[in-house]
């Protein structure tokens, strides 16, 4: 063996491989989220990551320290609510495909996700045979996959959901020609860089070789894949921000006049009111007094509906939530 990578080890059989892989996994967890991580990012009983709002080019939030957006699943149960408090957690099922359906006003795709798992709805539409195929096809369409199963399945989506597929295909074509695209609320993609222009100019020159032309097509397709996904991912980020903005406003109306046990490590206001403590693209966690948990869950669900209406008007797209109330921040 030339390395201890998981993919190379998987090609061999030996009693030592299983404990070795487990050791590597735990060693990575210890290095990234062990005592040093706790010393730097956990203070006064609170995990305090640094968020960078809009830190990604599409408008998604990023984090600068603490790894808030890469919190390992094994670490989630360690995060616990204060005594007398609970977590209300919610994440949106298939947010980006639903945003694509809303942006394109593709009623067939909207119907595929109405009140149910969208991938199951794609199967029911007859476009593909299994849920796994539906997921591969939809993600392939949004990320520009053209080979393997994605390349085989995406054309079926074009027949069943022409408006949705037309939107991402048009965005990709714009990028391939060096153009820019915009999200629903107007965030514009950056133009291709100087290297892109140089490669295209070389391919169009009188002395261009077939190798130059192949490289230019590859670079153009790569930028087209970026613009294809930019419009969907960026608009999904806008939906999520509309959701949490309304949610934070609504949460401030709760708790002031209620008898609650103060949180042990919060400021004066947050010590008695429900408050947002975690945000990850399509997921939120609210820390709430236990007696307000059900009310908070209702507000979380209501604001998700409101965000869809504010963003897309009357387009009939559902944004269903996986809602959980618990003492620990476990993801379902």
Foldseek 3Di string as FASTA:
>chain_A
DPDLDPVVLVVDDDPVNVVVVVVVVVVVCCVLPNPVLCVVQPDPNDGHWAKAQLPDLLRAIDTDGSPQQPPDLVCQQVAFFFVQKWKKKKFWQPLLQLLLCLVLLQLQQQVCPPPHRSLVSCCVLVLDPDSVLSVLCSVCLQQVDCDDSNVVRVVSCCVRRVSSSVVLQVQLVCQLVQHWDAALVGSIHDTDDPVLVVLVVLCPDPPHDVVSVVVNNVSSNNRSSVRSNSRRLSNLSVLQVQLVVQLQVVQLVPFPPDDFQFGSRDDPSVRGTWDWDGDHSGMTMIMGRPVCNVVSNVSSLVSSVVSCCVRRNPSNHDGDMDIDIGRTRRDD
